[in-house]
Amino acid sequence: MLREERPGLQAERTLLAWDRTALAILANGALLLVSNVDRNDVLRITAAVVAVAVALLAAYLGRIRVQQIVDAARRHQVVNAGPAMTLLAGGVLLLGVLELATFLRY
């Protein structure tokens, strides 16, 4: 297999990091739902839905990021982070505020 056909270890590590992030956020949302089984708390359900949305966003952005790295490597260029990190950070911040609000209520 030619070197140009393989994405390289950097792209693989990037994809694994984004997938771990998505999995951690998804697990967070699952814990919010499990803790809400006996209660009908709209705020916790909203936080869980936001967690699922942010996890899907992280998984999607990870795929885009890997493709950017592979394309830049083929052109021998350096790629910057772009808006993906800002977008994900905003989602995680929103999720954190929602979770803090759920815990402060009890």
PDB file of N, CA and C in Angstrom:
ATOM      1  N   MET A   1       0.837  -1.165   0.000  1.00  0.00           N
ATOM      2  CA  MET A   1       0.000   0.000   0.000  1.00  0.00           C
ATOM      3  C   MET A   1       0.894   1.244   0.000  1.00  0.00           C
ATOM      4  N   LEU A   2       0.590   2.164  -0.862  1.00  0.00           N
ATOM      5  CA  LEU A   2       1.378   3.383  -0.951  1.00  0.00           C
ATOM      6  C   LEU A   2       1.139   4.265   0.259  1.00  0.00           C
ATOM      7  N   ARG A   3       2.148   5.017   0.585  1.00  0.00           N
ATOM      8  CA  ARG A   3       2.075   5.914   1.747  1.00  0.00           C
ATOM      9  C   ARG A   3       0.950   6.937   1.599  1.00  0.00           C
ATOM     10  N   GLU A   4       0.691   7.423   0.401  1.00  0.00           N
ATOM     11  CA  GLU A   4      -0.316   8.445   0.169  1.00  0.00           C
ATOM     12  C   GLU A   4      -1.741   7.919   0.384  1.00  0.00           C
ATOM     13  N   GLU A   5      -1.941   6.613   0.294  1.00  0.00           N
ATOM     14  CA  GLU A   5      -3.273   6.044   0.464  1.00  0.00           C
ATOM     15  C   GLU A   5      -3.653   5.879   1.927  1.00  0.00           C
ATOM     16  N   ARG A   6      -2.665   5.864   2.795  1.00  0.00           N
ATOM     17  CA  ARG A   6      -2.946   5.681   4.222  1.00  0.00           C
ATOM     18  C   ARG A   6      -3.097   7.031   4.894  1.00  0.00           C
ATOM     19  N   PRO A   7      -4.075   7.163   5.773  1.00  0.00           N
ATOM     20  CA  PRO A   7      -4.280   8.461   6.411  1.00  0.00           C
ATOM     21  C   PRO A   7      -3.184   8.829   7.402  1.00  0.00           C
ATOM     22  N   GLY A   8      -2.471   7.874   7.929  1.00  0.00           N
ATOM     23  CA  GLY A   8      -1.407   8.165   8.882  1.00  0.00           C
ATOM     24  C   GLY A   8      -1.897   8.099  10.310  1.00  0.00           C
ATOM     25  N   LEU A   9      -0.940   8.033  11.198  1.00  0.00           N
ATOM     26  CA  LEU A   9      -1.275   7.894  12.613  1.00  0.00           C
ATOM     27  C   LEU A   9      -1.928   9.146  13.188  1.00  0.00           C
ATOM     28  N   GLN A  10      -1.555  10.312  12.685  1.00  0.00           N
ATOM     29  CA  GLN A  10      -2.158  11.540  13.207  1.00  0.00           C
ATOM     30  C   GLN A  10      -3.663  11.543  12.971  1.00  0.00           C
ATOM     31  N   ALA A  11      -4.097  11.157  11.795  1.00  0.00           N
ATOM     32  CA  ALA A  11      -5.525  11.122  11.496  1.00  0.00           C
ATOM     33  C   ALA A  11      -6.234  10.063  12.342  1.00  0.00           C
ATOM     34  N   GLU A  12      -5.593   8.925  12.537  1.00  0.00           N
ATOM     35  CA  GLU A  12      -6.191   7.869  13.350  1.00  0.00           C
ATOM     36  C   GLU A  12      -6.328   8.300  14.807  1.00  0.00           C
ATOM     37  N   ARG A  13      -5.287   8.941  15.340  1.00  0.00           N
ATOM     38  CA  ARG A  13      -5.360   9.437  16.725  1.00  0.00           C
ATOM     39  C   ARG A  13      -6.423  10.517  16.864  1.00  0.00           C
ATOM     40  N   THR A  14      -6.533  11.369  15.862  1.00  0.00           N
ATOM     41  CA  THR A  14      -7.552  12.419  15.892  1.00  0.00           C
ATOM     42  C   THR A  14      -8.944  11.811  15.914  1.00  0.00           C
ATOM     43  N   LEU A  15      -9.174  10.829  15.067  1.00  0.00           N
ATOM     44  CA  LEU A  15     -10.483  10.186  15.031  1.00  0.00           C
ATOM     45  C   LEU A  15     -10.801   9.497  16.359  1.00  0.00           C
ATOM     46  N   LEU A  16      -9.822   8.815  16.923  1.00  0.00           N
ATOM     47  CA  LEU A  16     -10.042   8.161  18.217  1.00  0.00           C
ATOM     48  C   LEU A  16     -10.348   9.176  19.314  1.00  0.00           C
ATOM     49  N   ALA A  17      -9.667  10.314  19.296  1.00  0.00           N
ATOM     50  CA  ALA A  17      -9.916  11.345  20.309  1.00  0.00           C
ATOM     51  C   ALA A  17     -11.326  11.913  20.184  1.00  0.00           C
ATOM     52  N   TRP A  18     -11.754  12.197  18.971  1.00  0.00           N
ATOM     53  CA  TRP A  18     -13.106  12.720  18.781  1.00  0.00           C
ATOM     54  C   TRP A  18     -14.149  11.663  19.153  1.00  0.00           C
ATOM     55  N   ASP A  19     -13.889  10.409  18.823  1.00  0.00           N
ATOM     56  CA  ASP A  19     -14.834   9.339  19.188  1.00  0.00           C
ATOM     57  C   ASP A  19     -14.911   9.154  20.700  1.00  0.00           C
ATOM     58  N   ARG A  20     -13.770   9.239  21.393  1.00  0.00           N
ATOM     59  CA  ARG A  20     -13.789   9.151  22.863  1.00  0.00           C
ATOM     60  C   ARG A  20     -14.586  10.306  23.460  1.00  0.00           C
ATOM     61  N   THR A  21     -14.419  11.481  22.898  1.00  0.00           N
ATOM     62  CA  THR A  21     -15.166  12.640  23.377  1.00  0.00           C
ATOM     63  C   THR A  21     -16.664  12.430  23.179  1.00  0.00           C
ATOM     64  N   ALA A  22     -17.042  11.962  22.001  1.00  0.00           N
ATOM     65  CA  ALA A  22     -18.455  11.716  21.718  1.00  0.00           C
ATOM     66  C   ALA A  22     -19.022  10.648  22.651  1.00  0.00           C
ATOM     67  N   LEU A  23     -18.255   9.599  22.898  1.00  0.00           N
ATOM     68  CA  LEU A  23     -18.712   8.525  23.780  1.00  0.00           C
ATOM     69  C   LEU A  23     -18.874   9.018  25.218  1.00  0.00           C
ATOM     70  N   ALA A  24     -17.942   9.833  25.681  1.00  0.00           N
ATOM     71  CA  ALA A  24     -18.037  10.367  27.043  1.00  0.00           C
ATOM     72  C   ALA A  24     -19.262  11.271  27.200  1.00  0.00           C
ATOM     73  N   ILE A  25     -19.519  12.098  26.211  1.00  0.00           N
ATOM     74  CA  ILE A  25     -20.683  12.983  26.275  1.00  0.00           C
ATOM     75  C   ILE A  25     -21.967  12.162  26.210  1.00  0.00           C
ATOM     76  N   LEU A  26     -21.989  11.139  25.375  1.00  0.00           N
ATOM     77  CA  LEU A  26     -23.163  10.272  25.277  1.00  0.00           C
ATOM     78  C   LEU A  26     -23.410   9.525  26.588  1.00  0.00           C
ATOM     79  N   ALA A  27     -22.347   9.055  27.223  1.00  0.00           N
ATOM     80  CA  ALA A  27     -22.484   8.383  28.522  1.00  0.00           C
ATOM     81  C   ALA A  27     -23.037   9.349  29.567  1.00  0.00           C
ATOM     82  N   ASN A  28     -22.602  10.595  29.497  1.00  0.00           N
ATOM     83  CA  ASN A  28     -23.115  11.619  30.396  1.00  0.00           C
ATOM     84  C   ASN A  28     -24.623  11.783  30.218  1.00  0.00           C
ATOM     85  N   GLY A  29     -25.073  11.838  28.992  1.00  0.00           N
ATOM     86  CA  GLY A  29     -26.506  11.944  28.718  1.00  0.00           C
ATOM     87  C   GLY A  29     -27.275  10.723  29.190  1.00  0.00           C
ATOM     88  N   ALA A  30     -26.666   9.542  29.030  1.00  0.00           N
ATOM     89  CA  ALA A  30     -27.321   8.320  29.495  1.00  0.00           C
ATOM     90  C   ALA A  30     -27.471   8.324  31.016  1.00  0.00           C
ATOM     91  N   LEU A  31     -26.447   8.799  31.710  1.00  0.00           N
ATOM     92  CA  LEU A  31     -26.546   8.895  33.174  1.00  0.00           C
ATOM     93  C   LEU A  31     -27.640   9.865  33.596  1.00  0.00           C
ATOM     94  N   LEU A  32     -27.787  10.944  32.867  1.00  0.00           N
ATOM     95  CA  LEU A  32     -28.867  11.884  33.178  1.00  0.00           C
ATOM     96  C   LEU A  32     -30.236  11.234  32.996  1.00  0.00           C
ATOM     97  N   LEU A  33     -30.385  10.441  31.940  1.00  0.00           N
ATOM     98  CA  LEU A  33     -31.666   9.766  31.723  1.00  0.00           C
ATOM     99  C   LEU A  33     -31.919   8.692  32.772  1.00  0.00           C
ATOM    100  N   VAL A  34     -30.895   7.919  33.117  1.00  0.00           N
ATOM    101  CA  VAL A  34     -31.060   6.860  34.116  1.00  0.00           C
ATOM    102  C   VAL A  34     -31.408   7.454  35.472  1.00  0.00           C
ATOM    103  N   SER A  35     -30.814   8.589  35.799  1.00  0.00           N
ATOM    104  CA  SER A  35     -31.124   9.216  37.091  1.00  0.00           C
ATOM    105  C   SER A  35     -32.510   9.841  37.103  1.00  0.00           C
ATOM    106  N   ASN A  36     -33.147   9.889  35.946  1.00  0.00           N
ATOM    107  CA  ASN A  36     -34.461  10.506  35.842  1.00  0.00           C
ATOM    108  C   ASN A  36     -35.560   9.483  35.582  1.00  0.00           C
ATOM    109  N   VAL A  37     -35.289   8.220  35.795  1.00  0.00           N
ATOM    110  CA  VAL A  37     -36.272   7.178  35.492  1.00  0.00           C
ATOM    111  C   VAL A  37     -37.538   7.348  36.324  1.00  0.00           C
ATOM    112  N   ASP A  38     -37.402   7.627  37.602  1.00  0.00           N
ATOM    113  CA  ASP A  38     -38.570   7.715  38.470  1.00  0.00           C
ATOM    114  C   ASP A  38     -39.179   9.115  38.526  1.00  0.00           C
ATOM    115  N   ARG A  39     -38.445  10.122  38.052  1.00  0.00           N
ATOM    116  CA  ARG A  39     -38.962  11.493  38.052  1.00  0.00           C
ATOM    117  C   ARG A  39     -39.219  11.938  36.621  1.00  0.00           C
ATOM    118  N   ASN A  40     -40.072  12.890  36.495  1.00  0.00           N
ATOM    119  CA  ASN A  40     -40.364  13.450  35.189  1.00  0.00           C
ATOM    120  C   ASN A  40     -39.789  14.857  35.117  1.00  0.00           C
ATOM    121  N   ASP A  41     -38.484  14.968  35.278  1.00  0.00           N
ATOM    122  CA  ASP A  41     -37.808  16.253  35.323  1.00  0.00           C
ATOM    123  C   ASP A  41     -37.469  16.708  33.901  1.00  0.00           C
ATOM    124  N   VAL A  42     -38.133  17.749  33.454  1.00  0.00           N
ATOM    125  CA  VAL A  42     -37.964  18.242  32.092  1.00  0.00           C
ATOM    126  C   VAL A  42     -36.545  18.772  31.871  1.00  0.00           C
ATOM    127  N   LEU A  43     -35.959  19.385  32.884  1.00  0.00           N
ATOM    128  CA  LEU A  43     -34.616  19.943  32.744  1.00  0.00           C
ATOM    129  C   LEU A  43     -33.578  18.844  32.515  1.00  0.00           C
ATOM    130  N   ARG A  44     -33.695  17.733  33.246  1.00  0.00           N
ATOM    131  CA  ARG A  44     -32.748  16.622  33.043  1.00  0.00           C
ATOM    132  C   ARG A  44     -32.953  15.947  31.696  1.00  0.00           C
ATOM    133  N   ILE A  45     -34.185  15.828  31.289  1.00  0.00           N
ATOM    134  CA  ILE A  45     -34.449  15.243  29.962  1.00  0.00           C
ATOM    135  C   ILE A  45     -33.884  16.148  28.875  1.00  0.00           C
ATOM    136  N   THR A  46     -34.053  17.459  29.048  1.00  0.00           N
ATOM    137  CA  THR A  46     -33.496  18.409  28.089  1.00  0.00           C
ATOM    138  C   THR A  46     -31.971  18.301  28.057  1.00  0.00           C
ATOM    139  N   ALA A  47     -31.352  18.204  29.219  1.00  0.00           N
ATOM    140  CA  ALA A  47     -29.899  18.060  29.280  1.00  0.00           C
ATOM    141  C   ALA A  47     -29.452  16.767  28.604  1.00  0.00           C
ATOM    142  N   ALA A  48     -30.207  15.692  28.775  1.00  0.00           N
ATOM    143  CA  ALA A  48     -29.858  14.425  28.138  1.00  0.00           C
ATOM    144  C   ALA A  48     -29.980  14.518  26.620  1.00  0.00           C
ATOM    145  N   VAL A  49     -31.004  15.194  26.144  1.00  0.00           N
ATOM    146  CA  VAL A  49     -31.181  15.376  24.702  1.00  0.00           C
ATOM    147  C   VAL A  49     -30.052  16.241  24.138  1.00  0.00           C
ATOM    148  N   VAL A  50     -29.678  17.286  24.862  1.00  0.00           N
ATOM    149  CA  VAL A  50     -28.554  18.124  24.439  1.00  0.00           C
ATOM    150  C   VAL A  50     -27.270  17.305  24.422  1.00  0.00           C
ATOM    151  N   ALA A  51     -27.087  16.414  25.389  1.00  0.00           N
ATOM    152  CA  ALA A  51     -25.900  15.564  25.427  1.00  0.00           C
ATOM    153  C   ALA A  51     -25.835  14.664  24.197  1.00  0.00           C
ATOM    154  N   VAL A  52     -26.957  14.093  23.812  1.00  0.00           N
ATOM    155  CA  VAL A  52     -26.982  13.248  22.612  1.00  0.00           C
ATOM    156  C   VAL A  52     -26.653  14.083  21.376  1.00  0.00           C
ATOM    157  N   ALA A  53     -27.224  15.281  21.291  1.00  0.00           N
ATOM    158  CA  ALA A  53     -26.953  16.147  20.145  1.00  0.00           C
ATOM    159  C   ALA A  53     -25.479  16.552  20.085  1.00  0.00           C
ATOM    160  N   VAL A  54     -24.902  16.885  21.221  1.00  0.00           N
ATOM    161  CA  VAL A  54     -23.485  17.275  21.254  1.00  0.00           C
ATOM    162  C   VAL A  54     -22.597  16.068  20.934  1.00  0.00           C
ATOM    163  N   ALA A  55     -22.973  14.886  21.395  1.00  0.00           N
ATOM    164  CA  ALA A  55     -22.200  13.681  21.078  1.00  0.00           C
ATOM    165  C   ALA A  55     -22.228  13.397  19.577  1.00  0.00           C
ATOM    166  N   LEU A  56     -23.390  13.527  18.964  1.00  0.00           N
ATOM    167  CA  LEU A  56     -23.484  13.332  17.513  1.00  0.00           C
ATOM    168  C   LEU A  56     -22.686  14.398  16.774  1.00  0.00           C
ATOM    169  N   LEU A  57     -22.721  15.622  17.283  1.00  0.00           N
ATOM    170  CA  LEU A  57     -21.940  16.703  16.689  1.00  0.00           C
ATOM    171  C   LEU A  57     -20.445  16.394  16.779  1.00  0.00           C
ATOM    172  N   ALA A  58     -20.005  15.895  17.924  1.00  0.00           N
ATOM    173  CA  ALA A  58     -18.589  15.556  18.094  1.00  0.00           C
ATOM    174  C   ALA A  58     -18.172  14.449  17.129  1.00  0.00           C
ATOM    175  N   ALA A  59     -19.005  13.448  16.978  1.00  0.00           N
ATOM    176  CA  ALA A  59     -18.684  12.356  16.057  1.00  0.00           C
ATOM    177  C   ALA A  59     -18.616  12.865  14.611  1.00  0.00           C
ATOM    178  N   TYR A  60     -19.555  13.712  14.246  1.00  0.00           N
ATOM    179  CA  TYR A  60     -19.580  14.269  12.889  1.00  0.00           C
ATOM    180  C   TYR A  60     -18.371  15.168  12.636  1.00  0.00           C
ATOM    181  N   LEU A  61     -18.092  16.060  13.577  1.00  0.00           N
ATOM    182  CA  LEU A  61     -16.953  16.965  13.421  1.00  0.00           C
ATOM    183  C   LEU A  61     -15.633  16.198  13.394  1.00  0.00           C
ATOM    184  N   GLY A  62     -15.572  15.097  14.115  1.00  0.00           N
ATOM    185  CA  GLY A  62     -14.374  14.269  14.094  1.00  0.00           C
ATOM    186  C   GLY A  62     -14.103  13.701  12.720  1.00  0.00           C
ATOM    187  N   ARG A  63     -15.143  13.249  12.050  1.00  0.00           N
ATOM    188  CA  ARG A  63     -14.973  12.715  10.690  1.00  0.00           C
ATOM    189  C   ARG A  63     -14.510  13.812   9.738  1.00  0.00           C
ATOM    190  N   ILE A  64     -15.101  14.993   9.871  1.00  0.00           N
ATOM    191  CA  ILE A  64     -14.698  16.112   9.017  1.00  0.00           C
ATOM    192  C   ILE A  64     -13.240  16.480   9.286  1.00  0.00           C
ATOM    193  N   ARG A  65     -12.874  16.513  10.552  1.00  0.00           N
ATOM    194  CA  ARG A  65     -11.510  16.879  10.940  1.00  0.00           C
ATOM    195  C   ARG A  65     -10.489  15.887  10.375  1.00  0.00           C
ATOM    196  N   VAL A  66     -10.799  14.611  10.442  1.00  0.00           N
ATOM    197  CA  VAL A  66      -9.882  13.596   9.903  1.00  0.00           C
ATOM    198  C   VAL A  66      -9.725  13.778   8.401  1.00  0.00           C
ATOM    199  N   GLN A  67     -10.821  14.059   7.714  1.00  0.00           N
ATOM    200  CA  GLN A  67     -10.732  14.272   6.272  1.00  0.00           C
ATOM    201  C   GLN A  67      -9.882  15.501   5.946  1.00  0.00           C
ATOM    202  N   GLN A  68     -10.003  16.551   6.771  1.00  0.00           N
ATOM    203  CA  GLN A  68      -9.169  17.740   6.568  1.00  0.00           C
ATOM    204  C   GLN A  68      -7.692  17.407   6.760  1.00  0.00           C
ATOM    205  N   ILE A  69      -7.385  16.599   7.759  1.00  0.00           N
ATOM    206  CA  ILE A  69      -5.994  16.227   8.031  1.00  0.00           C
ATOM    207  C   ILE A  69      -5.431  15.390   6.881  1.00  0.00           C
ATOM    208  N   VAL A  70      -6.212  14.448   6.405  1.00  0.00           N
ATOM    209  CA  VAL A  70      -5.758  13.592   5.309  1.00  0.00           C
ATOM    210  C   VAL A  70      -5.535  14.426   4.046  1.00  0.00           C
ATOM    211  N   ASP A  71      -6.476  15.299   3.726  1.00  0.00           N
ATOM    212  CA  ASP A  71      -6.336  16.147   2.538  1.00  0.00           C
ATOM    213  C   ASP A  71      -5.130  17.073   2.652  1.00  0.00           C
ATOM    214  N   ALA A  72      -4.936  17.658   3.831  1.00  0.00           N
ATOM    215  CA  ALA A  72      -3.794  18.559   4.030  1.00  0.00           C
ATOM    216  C   ALA A  72      -2.477  17.793   3.945  1.00  0.00           C
ATOM    217  N   ALA A  73      -2.444  16.577   4.447  1.00  0.00           N
ATOM    218  CA  ALA A  73      -1.226  15.773   4.381  1.00  0.00           C
ATOM    219  C   ALA A  73      -0.877  15.432   2.937  1.00  0.00           C
ATOM    220  N   ARG A  74      -1.881  15.171   2.144  1.00  0.00           N
ATOM    221  CA  ARG A  74      -1.622  14.868   0.723  1.00  0.00           C
ATOM    222  C   ARG A  74      -1.076  16.081  -0.018  1.00  0.00           C
ATOM    223  N   ARG A  75      -1.481  17.271   0.411  1.00  0.00           N
ATOM    224  CA  ARG A  75      -0.998  18.505  -0.227  1.00  0.00           C
ATOM    225  C   ARG A  75       0.237  19.062   0.475  1.00  0.00           C
ATOM    226  N   HIS A  76       0.698  18.369   1.518  1.00  0.00           N
ATOM    227  CA  HIS A  76       1.851  18.802   2.313  1.00  0.00           C
ATOM    228  C   HIS A  76       1.609  20.174   2.926  1.00  0.00           C
ATOM    229  N   GLN A  77       0.433  20.344   3.503  1.00  0.00           N
ATOM    230  CA  GLN A  77       0.066  21.592   4.160  1.00  0.00           C
ATOM    231  C   GLN A  77      -0.250  21.321   5.623  1.00  0.00           C
ATOM    232  N   VAL A  78      -0.293  22.387   6.376  1.00  0.00           N
ATOM    233  CA  VAL A  78      -0.674  22.317   7.777  1.00  0.00           C
ATOM    234  C   VAL A  78      -2.116  22.780   7.878  1.00  0.00           C
ATOM    235  N   VAL A  79      -2.913  22.079   8.671  1.00  0.00           N
ATOM    236  CA  VAL A  79      -4.323  22.444   8.819  1.00  0.00           C
ATOM    237  C   VAL A  79      -4.537  22.970  10.233  1.00  0.00           C
ATOM    238  N   ASN A  80      -5.323  24.027  10.336  1.00  0.00           N
ATOM    239  CA  ASN A  80      -5.623  24.570  11.671  1.00  0.00           C
ATOM    240  C   ASN A  80      -6.933  23.987  12.201  1.00  0.00           C
ATOM    241  N   ALA A  81      -7.252  24.279  13.429  1.00  0.00           N
ATOM    242  CA  ALA A  81      -8.420  23.681  14.076  1.00  0.00           C
ATOM    243  C   ALA A  81      -9.730  24.163  13.467  1.00  0.00           C
ATOM    244  N   GLY A  82      -9.792  25.403  13.063  1.00  0.00           N
ATOM    245  CA  GLY A  82     -11.012  25.923  12.465  1.00  0.00           C
ATOM    246  C   GLY A  82     -12.124  26.069  13.497  1.00  0.00           C
ATOM    247  N   PRO A  83     -13.353  26.181  13.024  1.00  0.00           N
ATOM    248  CA  PRO A  83     -14.475  26.429  13.933  1.00  0.00           C
ATOM    249  C   PRO A  83     -14.991  25.182  14.656  1.00  0.00           C
ATOM    250  N   ALA A  84     -14.479  24.015  14.329  1.00  0.00           N
ATOM    251  CA  ALA A  84     -14.994  22.783  14.926  1.00  0.00           C
ATOM    252  C   ALA A  84     -14.825  22.771  16.440  1.00  0.00           C
ATOM    253  N   MET A  85     -13.660  23.172  16.909  1.00  0.00           N
ATOM    254  CA  MET A  85     -13.409  23.165  18.355  1.00  0.00           C
ATOM    255  C   MET A  85     -14.291  24.180  19.075  1.00  0.00           C
ATOM    256  N   THR A  86     -14.497  25.338  18.467  1.00  0.00           N
ATOM    257  CA  THR A  86     -15.349  26.363  19.072  1.00  0.00           C
ATOM    258  C   THR A  86     -16.785  25.873  19.153  1.00  0.00           C
ATOM    259  N   LEU A  87     -17.247  25.238  18.099  1.00  0.00           N
ATOM    260  CA  LEU A  87     -18.607  24.718  18.076  1.00  0.00           C
ATOM    261  C   LEU A  87     -18.805  23.637  19.134  1.00  0.00           C
ATOM    262  N   LEU A  88     -17.859  22.726  19.230  1.00  0.00           N
ATOM    263  CA  LEU A  88     -17.957  21.667  20.232  1.00  0.00           C
ATOM    264  C   LEU A  88     -17.863  22.239  21.645  1.00  0.00           C
ATOM    265  N   ALA A  89     -16.965  23.202  21.840  1.00  0.00           N
ATOM    266  CA  ALA A  89     -16.826  23.815  23.162  1.00  0.00           C
ATOM    267  C   ALA A  89     -18.121  24.515  23.573  1.00  0.00           C
ATOM    268  N   GLY A  90     -18.786  25.155  22.635  1.00  0.00           N
ATOM    269  CA  GLY A  90     -20.067  25.793  22.930  1.00  0.00           C
ATOM    270  C   GLY A  90     -21.117  24.769  23.340  1.00  0.00           C
ATOM    271  N   GLY A  91     -21.154  23.636  22.651  1.00  0.00           N
ATOM    272  CA  GLY A  91     -22.093  22.579  23.007  1.00  0.00           C
ATOM    273  C   GLY A  91     -21.817  21.997  24.376  1.00  0.00           C
ATOM    274  N   VAL A  92     -20.554  21.777  24.680  1.00  0.00           N
ATOM    275  CA  VAL A  92     -20.180  21.235  25.991  1.00  0.00           C
ATOM    276  C   VAL A  92     -20.488  22.260  27.088  1.00  0.00           C
ATOM    277  N   LEU A  93     -20.262  23.537  26.798  1.00  0.00           N
ATOM    278  CA  LEU A  93     -20.587  24.587  27.769  1.00  0.00           C
ATOM    279  C   LEU A  93     -22.085  24.625  28.049  1.00  0.00           C
ATOM    280  N   LEU A  94     -22.895  24.545  27.004  1.00  0.00           N
ATOM    281  CA  LEU A  94     -24.352  24.509  27.184  1.00  0.00           C
ATOM    282  C   LEU A  94     -24.770  23.297  28.013  1.00  0.00           C
ATOM    283  N   LEU A  95     -24.193  22.155  27.710  1.00  0.00           N
ATOM    284  CA  LEU A  95     -24.493  20.943  28.467  1.00  0.00           C
ATOM    285  C   LEU A  95     -24.085  21.098  29.931  1.00  0.00           C
ATOM    286  N   GLY A  96     -22.934  21.688  30.168  1.00  0.00           N
ATOM    287  CA  GLY A  96     -22.479  21.901  31.543  1.00  0.00           C
ATOM    288  C   GLY A  96     -23.402  22.822  32.325  1.00  0.00           C
ATOM    289  N   VAL A  97     -23.878  23.872  31.691  1.00  0.00           N
ATOM    290  CA  VAL A  97     -24.805  24.799  32.358  1.00  0.00           C
ATOM    291  C   VAL A  97     -26.115  24.092  32.679  1.00  0.00           C
ATOM    292  N   LEU A  98     -26.615  23.298  31.742  1.00  0.00           N
ATOM    293  CA  LEU A  98     -27.858  22.548  31.992  1.00  0.00           C
ATOM    294  C   LEU A  98     -27.687  21.555  33.137  1.00  0.00           C
ATOM    295  N   GLU A  99     -26.565  20.855  33.157  1.00  0.00           N
ATOM    296  CA  GLU A  99     -26.337  19.889  34.232  1.00  0.00           C
ATOM    297  C   GLU A  99     -26.178  20.575  35.574  1.00  0.00           C
ATOM    298  N   LEU A 100     -25.488  21.683  35.587  1.00  0.00           N
ATOM    299  CA  LEU A 100     -25.339  22.428  36.834  1.00  0.00           C
ATOM    300  C   LEU A 100     -26.698  22.886  37.338  1.00  0.00           C
ATOM    301  N   ALA A 101     -27.550  23.321  36.437  1.00  0.00           N
ATOM    302  CA  ALA A 101     -28.894  23.750  36.829  1.00  0.00           C
ATOM    303  C   ALA A 101     -29.706  22.584  37.381  1.00  0.00           C
ATOM    304  N   THR A 102     -29.526  21.384  36.815  1.00  0.00           N
ATOM    305  CA  THR A 102     -30.286  20.234  37.330  1.00  0.00           C
ATOM    306  C   THR A 102     -29.827  19.855  38.731  1.00  0.00           C
ATOM    307  N   PHE A 103     -28.522  19.954  39.000  1.00  0.00           N
ATOM    308  CA  PHE A 103     -28.030  19.566  40.312  1.00  0.00           C
ATOM    309  C   PHE A 103     -28.295  20.624  41.370  1.00  0.00           C
ATOM    310  N   LEU A 104     -28.347  21.874  40.958  1.00  0.00           N
ATOM    311  CA  LEU A 104     -28.640  22.931  41.922  1.00  0.00           C
ATOM    312  C   LEU A 104     -30.106  22.943  42.341  1.00  0.00           C
ATOM    313  N   ARG A 105     -30.957  22.342  41.519  1.00  0.00           N
ATOM    314  CA  ARG A 105     -32.377  22.287  41.864  1.00  0.00           C
ATOM    315  C   ARG A 105     -32.672  21.314  43.005  1.00  0.00           C
ATOM    316  N   TYR A 106     -31.779  20.342  43.222  1.00  0.00           N
ATOM    317  CA  TYR A 106     -32.045  19.321  44.236  1.00  0.00           C
ATOM    318  C   TYR A 106     -31.091  19.407  45.374  1.00  0.00           C
TER     319      TYR A 106
END
